[in-house]
Amino acid sequence: MTRYDDAGAERHHINNSRLMKVKKMKAHYCLVLFLVAAIACEPTAISATEDEGPKPTIGIIGTGDMGDSLGPRFAELGYSVVYGSRNPDSEKAQNVVKLTGDDARVTTQKEAAQAGDIVVLAVPWPPMETVAQNLGLLDGKIVIDISMPAEQAEDGYLFSLVETSSAEMIQSWNPGARVVKAFATLGSYVIDNPAVVGGPVTVPIASDDREAKEQVARIIAAMGLDPVDAGPLRLSREIEALQRLYMVPLIQRRTAAWEPYFRRSYFWECIWTDDWSTPVADADNLADIPETQGPPKPCPGT
């Protein structure tokens, strides 16, 4: 589970002391979630951008467990990183800058959002509701929501704090932004070292903006992670549901948890010759997502 900082709390607000203890492990089950884990070959890192020229600046709102993992990795790829903090002069914020490198800096949350071409909201709920509405005009910027809007119910398991999804709400508050749900499905320790679990870790991406989805996918692949297209922004609801599923073994205090890997299948697309479904709205405009697991395999039986 991710502990976030700087958005109104030092830790992810799951408002329960037991869950807070889980988040202290920067075994970093950062914000998280997901589905099946599988051990396989390590994914191939792919160039973050196909275009020549300087890389965009990335503003990271929050200097907590995910912010201080994503920032250094972005810097390694050649991106300029600007952190946004409630307390930019604090020792913690300054240490994150040192960890990231000489080109990094920290300022206020709003100033970092304005400086970034890409803005990462590493902010917990409920503080997200205030922060995401007070960053100034975000028109044209790629805004990446990594948050998990959830808390524990009476039985200890998680339930959603929102009717739709965090990403959709952020989009409604910032209609000119190009909102992407990503980096919401893995622990920060995997961001630090994608090889730590012994196989690929998948990062699903949901967005209504094809180019924004593609740009974020290239960054994910360049980090040694496995990007997959999770459809339009409204399917962020499913990503956030998988976050809650991911938390089950942690809340149960099991000794083994999960990191997600979507193993590739080459079966169904080989037999879909009927009209059991209608084409999706963007069927002719699907995002071009880097394939980190090698070329497609032949259809079974061929």
Protein backbone atom coordinates (compact mmCIF):
# COMPACT_ATOMS: atom_id res chain seq x y z
CA MET A 1 0.00 0.00 0.00
CA THR A 2 1.42 3.33 -0.80
CA ARG A 3 2.05 5.90 1.80
CA TYR A 4 1.67 9.30 0.23
CA ASP A 5 2.78 12.52 1.64
CA ASP A 6 2.17 16.10 0.88
CA ALA A 7 -1.42 16.12 -0.04
CA GLY A 8 -2.73 16.44 3.37
CA ALA A 9 -1.27 13.45 5.16
CA GLU A 10 2.02 11.68 5.68
CA ARG A 11 0.36 8.41 4.75
CA HIS A 12 -2.35 7.17 2.52
CA HIS A 13 -5.63 8.01 4.20
CA ILE A 14 -7.24 4.65 4.53
CA ASN A 15 -8.30 5.95 7.91
CA ASN A 16 -7.64 2.84 9.89
CA SER A 17 -4.70 2.30 12.21
CA ARG A 18 -4.27 -1.32 11.20
CA LEU A 19 -3.96 -0.47 7.53
CA MET A 20 -1.62 2.39 8.33
CA LYS A 21 0.83 -0.13 9.75
CA VAL A 22 0.73 -2.07 6.49
CA LYS A 23 1.64 1.03 4.57
CA LYS A 24 4.70 1.67 6.65
CA MET A 25 6.42 -1.22 4.90
CA LYS A 26 8.06 0.53 2.03
CA ALA A 27 8.24 -3.01 1.10
CA HIS A 28 6.41 -0.52 -0.41
CA TYR A 29 3.22 -2.03 -1.16
CA CYS A 30 2.41 1.42 -2.24
CA LEU A 31 -0.92 2.26 -3.30
CA VAL A 32 -1.64 -0.80 -5.23
CA LEU A 33 -3.75 -3.50 -6.32
CA PHE A 34 -4.38 -6.09 -8.82
CA LEU A 35 -4.98 -9.42 -10.01
CA VAL A 36 -2.80 -12.31 -10.89
CA ALA A 37 0.90 -12.46 -10.50
CA ALA A 38 3.00 -14.66 -12.69
CA ILE A 39 6.70 -15.32 -12.92
CA ALA A 40 8.24 -15.00 -16.35
CA CYS A 41 11.11 -13.45 -18.21
CA GLU A 42 12.08 -9.90 -17.45
CA PRO A 43 10.43 -7.33 -19.73
CA THR A 44 12.51 -5.48 -22.26
CA ALA A 45 13.02 -1.76 -21.63
CA ILE A 46 11.90 0.31 -24.61
CA SER A 47 12.77 3.87 -25.57
CA ALA A 48 10.54 6.33 -23.74
CA THR A 49 9.91 8.45 -26.80
CA GLU A 50 10.18 8.09 -30.52
CA ASP A 51 10.72 11.81 -31.06
CA GLU A 52 14.01 13.66 -31.09
CA GLY A 53 14.51 16.71 -28.94
CA PRO A 54 14.23 17.52 -25.24
CA LYS A 55 11.94 15.44 -23.06
CA PRO A 56 9.02 17.10 -21.30
CA THR A 57 9.21 18.22 -17.69
CA ILE A 58 7.38 16.03 -15.18
CA GLY A 59 5.77 17.64 -12.15
CA ILE A 60 5.15 15.24 -9.27
CA ILE A 61 2.63 16.40 -6.70
CA GLY A 62 3.67 14.65 -3.50
CA THR A 63 7.01 13.55 -2.06
CA GLY A 64 5.86 10.40 -0.30
CA ASP A 65 6.45 6.73 -1.03
CA MET A 66 5.43 6.78 -4.68
CA GLY A 67 6.68 10.27 -5.46
CA ASP A 68 10.17 9.49 -4.20
CA SER A 69 10.26 6.32 -6.32
CA LEU A 70 8.84 7.69 -9.57
CA GLY A 71 10.91 10.89 -9.55
CA PRO A 72 14.36 9.26 -9.58
CA ARG A 73 13.29 6.76 -12.24
CA PHE A 74 11.97 9.55 -14.48
CA ALA A 75 15.22 11.45 -13.97
CA GLU A 76 17.21 8.37 -15.01
CA LEU A 77 15.31 8.45 -18.30
CA GLY A 78 16.32 12.07 -18.91
CA TYR A 79 13.21 13.88 -17.74
CA SER A 80 13.42 17.06 -15.68
CA VAL A 81 11.55 16.54 -12.41
CA VAL A 82 9.82 19.21 -10.34
CA TYR A 83 8.24 18.15 -7.06
CA GLY A 84 5.24 19.90 -5.56
CA SER A 85 5.13 19.96 -1.78
CA ARG A 86 3.06 21.57 0.94
CA ASN A 87 6.39 22.24 2.65
CA PRO A 88 9.05 22.61 -0.04
CA ASP A 89 11.68 23.78 2.46
CA SER A 90 11.23 20.75 4.70
CA GLU A 91 14.10 18.32 5.22
CA LYS A 92 12.07 15.52 3.68
CA ALA A 93 11.31 17.45 0.49
CA GLN A 94 14.92 18.53 0.13
CA ASN A 95 16.13 14.95 0.62
CA VAL A 96 13.85 13.74 -2.18
CA VAL A 97 15.39 16.34 -4.48
CA LYS A 98 18.89 15.13 -3.58
CA LEU A 99 17.82 11.54 -4.22
CA THR A 100 16.52 12.51 -7.67
CA GLY A 101 19.54 14.41 -8.95
CA ASP A 102 21.01 17.81 -9.66
CA ASP A 103 18.35 18.85 -12.17
CA ALA A 104 15.45 18.20 -9.80
CA ARG A 105 13.84 20.86 -7.66
CA VAL A 106 10.92 21.26 -5.28
CA THR A 107 8.38 24.05 -5.07
CA THR A 108 4.72 24.45 -4.15
CA GLN A 109 2.13 22.03 -5.45
CA LYS A 110 0.55 24.58 -7.79
CA GLU A 111 3.89 25.81 -9.14
CA ALA A 112 5.04 22.24 -9.83
CA ALA A 113 1.81 21.48 -11.68
CA GLN A 114 2.22 24.59 -13.80
CA ALA A 115 5.87 23.75 -14.54
CA GLY A 116 5.13 20.20 -15.65
CA ASP A 117 4.14 19.14 -19.15
CA ILE A 118 3.19 15.87 -17.46
CA VAL A 119 1.74 16.07 -13.95
CA VAL A 120 1.70 13.04 -11.63
CA LEU A 121 -0.80 13.22 -8.78
CA ALA A 122 0.85 11.15 -6.04
CA VAL A 123 -1.77 12.28 -3.58
CA PRO A 124 -4.03 10.22 -1.26
CA TRP A 125 -7.72 10.41 -0.75
CA PRO A 126 -9.44 12.34 0.70
CA PRO A 127 -6.83 15.14 0.28
CA MET A 128 -6.89 14.51 -3.49
CA GLU A 129 -10.29 16.18 -3.66
CA THR A 130 -8.80 19.48 -2.51
CA VAL A 131 -5.40 19.25 -4.19
CA ALA A 132 -6.65 18.29 -7.67
CA GLN A 133 -8.97 21.31 -7.76
CA ASN A 134 -6.34 23.85 -6.77
CA LEU A 135 -3.43 23.31 -9.16
CA GLY A 136 -4.36 26.05 -11.62
CA LEU A 137 -5.20 25.60 -15.29
CA LEU A 138 -4.07 22.17 -16.52
CA ASP A 139 -5.34 22.44 -20.09
CA GLY A 140 -3.29 20.36 -22.51
CA LYS A 141 -1.21 18.72 -19.80
CA ILE A 142 -1.04 14.95 -19.30
CA VAL A 143 -2.27 14.37 -15.75
CA ILE A 144 -1.52 10.92 -14.31
CA ASP A 145 -3.68 9.76 -11.41
CA ILE A 146 -2.07 6.98 -9.37
CA SER A 147 -4.39 7.17 -6.36
CA MET A 148 -6.61 4.64 -4.60
CA PRO A 149 -9.83 6.18 -3.25
CA ALA A 150 -10.68 3.56 -0.65
CA GLU A 151 -10.95 2.88 3.05
CA GLN A 152 -11.70 -0.07 5.28
CA ALA A 153 -15.25 -1.16 6.01
CA GLU A 154 -16.38 -2.67 9.32
CA ASP A 155 -15.17 -6.10 8.20
CA GLY A 156 -11.73 -4.69 7.44
CA TYR A 157 -11.90 -5.07 3.66
CA LEU A 158 -11.81 -2.03 1.40
CA PHE A 159 -14.65 -0.16 -0.24
CA SER A 160 -14.58 2.75 -2.69
CA LEU A 161 -14.95 6.31 -1.48
CA VAL A 162 -16.25 7.50 -4.86
CA GLU A 163 -19.16 6.54 -7.08
CA THR A 164 -17.18 6.59 -10.32
CA SER A 165 -13.38 6.74 -10.12
CA SER A 166 -10.74 9.10 -8.88
CA ALA A 167 -9.48 9.64 -12.44
CA GLU A 168 -12.93 10.57 -13.76
CA MET A 169 -13.42 13.03 -10.94
CA ILE A 170 -10.05 14.63 -11.63
CA GLN A 171 -11.06 14.92 -15.30
CA SER A 172 -14.34 16.61 -14.34
CA TRP A 173 -12.49 19.13 -12.17
CA ASN A 174 -9.94 19.79 -14.93
CA PRO A 175 -11.84 19.37 -18.21
CA GLY A 176 -8.95 20.59 -20.38
CA ALA A 177 -6.45 18.12 -18.90
CA ARG A 178 -5.55 14.82 -20.56
CA VAL A 179 -6.12 12.51 -17.62
CA VAL A 180 -4.53 9.05 -17.51
CA LYS A 181 -4.92 6.38 -14.84
CA ALA A 182 -1.57 4.59 -14.48
CA PHE A 183 1.07 3.50 -11.95
CA ALA A 184 -1.88 2.55 -9.74
CA THR A 185 -1.25 -1.17 -9.77
CA LEU A 186 2.12 -1.93 -8.26
CA GLY A 187 4.27 -1.35 -5.22
CA SER A 188 6.83 1.44 -5.11
CA TYR A 189 9.57 -1.12 -4.52
CA VAL A 190 8.81 -2.42 -8.03
CA ILE A 191 9.19 1.11 -9.39
CA ASP A 192 12.58 1.24 -7.67
CA ASN A 193 13.65 -2.11 -9.16
CA PRO A 194 11.31 -3.81 -11.66
CA ALA A 195 13.35 -7.03 -11.47
CA VAL A 196 12.79 -7.48 -7.74
CA VAL A 197 9.87 -9.91 -8.08
CA GLY A 198 11.61 -12.09 -10.65
CA GLY A 199 9.36 -11.39 -13.63
CA PRO A 200 7.32 -8.79 -15.50
CA VAL A 201 4.95 -6.47 -13.65
CA THR A 202 2.04 -5.06 -15.62
CA VAL A 203 0.82 -1.45 -15.49
CA PRO A 204 -2.67 -0.98 -16.99
CA ILE A 205 -3.40 2.42 -18.52
CA ALA A 206 -6.85 3.96 -18.94
CA SER A 207 -7.48 7.25 -20.77
CA ASP A 208 -9.75 8.90 -23.31
CA ASP A 209 -6.72 10.52 -24.97
CA ARG A 210 -4.86 8.17 -27.33
CA GLU A 211 -1.65 10.20 -27.57
CA ALA A 212 -1.47 10.70 -23.82
CA LYS A 213 -1.96 6.98 -23.28
CA GLU A 214 0.78 6.18 -25.79
CA GLN A 215 3.23 8.64 -24.24
CA VAL A 216 2.69 7.25 -20.75
CA ALA A 217 2.98 3.69 -22.12
CA ARG A 218 6.38 4.48 -23.63
CA ILE A 219 7.61 5.83 -20.30
CA ILE A 220 6.36 2.72 -18.49
CA ALA A 221 8.08 0.43 -20.99
CA ALA A 222 11.32 2.41 -20.73
CA MET A 223 11.22 1.83 -16.97
CA GLY A 224 11.29 -1.92 -17.54
CA LEU A 225 7.59 -2.41 -16.79
CA ASP A 226 4.80 -3.91 -18.90
CA PRO A 227 2.17 -1.39 -20.11
CA VAL A 228 -1.25 -2.60 -21.25
CA ASP A 229 -4.20 -0.68 -22.70
CA ALA A 230 -7.06 -0.77 -20.17
CA GLY A 231 -9.47 1.17 -22.37
CA PRO A 232 -11.19 4.53 -21.81
CA LEU A 233 -10.95 6.58 -18.64
CA ARG A 234 -14.18 5.20 -17.22
CA LEU A 235 -12.47 1.81 -16.91
CA SER A 236 -10.35 3.41 -14.21
CA ARG A 237 -13.19 2.13 -12.04
CA GLU A 238 -12.04 -1.41 -12.77
CA ILE A 239 -8.41 -0.51 -12.09
CA GLU A 240 -9.46 0.90 -8.73
CA ALA A 241 -11.53 -2.22 -8.02
CA LEU A 242 -8.41 -4.29 -8.71
CA GLN A 243 -6.54 -2.10 -6.24
CA ARG A 244 -8.98 -3.18 -3.55
CA LEU A 245 -8.60 -6.82 -4.57
CA TYR A 246 -4.82 -6.48 -4.43
CA MET A 247 -5.04 -5.35 -0.83
CA VAL A 248 -6.82 -8.50 0.36
CA PRO A 249 -3.72 -10.58 1.23
CA LEU A 250 -2.07 -7.59 2.93
CA ILE A 251 -5.13 -6.89 5.06
CA GLN A 252 -5.38 -10.58 5.87
CA ARG A 253 -1.74 -10.47 6.97
CA ARG A 254 -0.74 -13.28 4.64
CA THR A 255 2.94 -13.92 4.12
CA ALA A 256 2.70 -13.69 0.32
CA ALA A 257 1.00 -10.94 -1.67
CA TRP A 258 0.71 -10.27 -5.42
CA GLU A 259 2.18 -8.10 -8.11
CA PRO A 260 0.19 -8.04 -11.37
CA TYR A 261 1.26 -9.66 -14.60
CA PHE A 262 -1.05 -10.00 -17.56
CA ARG A 263 0.24 -13.07 -19.32
CA ARG A 264 -0.21 -12.79 -23.09
CA SER A 265 -2.79 -15.04 -24.77
CA TYR A 266 -3.05 -15.73 -28.49
CA PHE A 267 -6.19 -17.85 -28.49
CA TRP A 268 -9.40 -15.85 -28.55
CA GLU A 269 -8.39 -13.45 -31.31
CA CYS A 270 -7.76 -16.50 -33.52
CA ILE A 271 -11.33 -17.77 -33.24
CA TRP A 272 -13.33 -14.55 -33.14
CA THR A 273 -15.04 -14.92 -36.49
CA ASP A 274 -18.65 -14.38 -35.40
CA ASP A 275 -20.58 -11.26 -34.42
CA TRP A 276 -20.97 -11.97 -30.70
CA SER A 277 -19.90 -8.40 -29.93
CA THR A 278 -19.99 -5.03 -31.64
CA PRO A 279 -16.78 -3.06 -32.29
CA VAL A 280 -15.61 -0.69 -29.58
CA ALA A 281 -15.95 3.02 -30.32
CA ASP A 282 -12.21 3.47 -30.87
CA ALA A 283 -11.67 0.26 -32.82
CA ASP A 284 -10.04 2.17 -35.68
CA ASN A 285 -7.98 4.37 -33.37
CA LEU A 286 -6.49 2.06 -30.74
CA ALA A 287 -3.43 3.23 -28.87
CA ASP A 288 -0.08 1.86 -30.02
CA ILE A 289 1.27 0.28 -26.84
CA PRO A 290 4.86 -1.04 -26.74
CA GLU A 291 4.90 -4.84 -26.55
CA THR A 292 7.44 -5.80 -23.92
CA GLN A 293 6.79 -9.54 -24.06
CA GLY A 294 7.98 -10.24 -27.58
CA PRO A 295 6.18 -10.66 -30.92
CA PRO A 296 2.74 -12.36 -31.10
CA LYS A 297 2.79 -16.12 -31.19
CA PRO A 298 1.04 -18.29 -33.83
CA CYS A 299 -2.56 -19.25 -33.23
CA PRO A 300 -2.91 -22.54 -31.32
CA GLY A 301 -3.05 -25.52 -33.64
CA THR A 302 -1.50 -23.73 -36.63
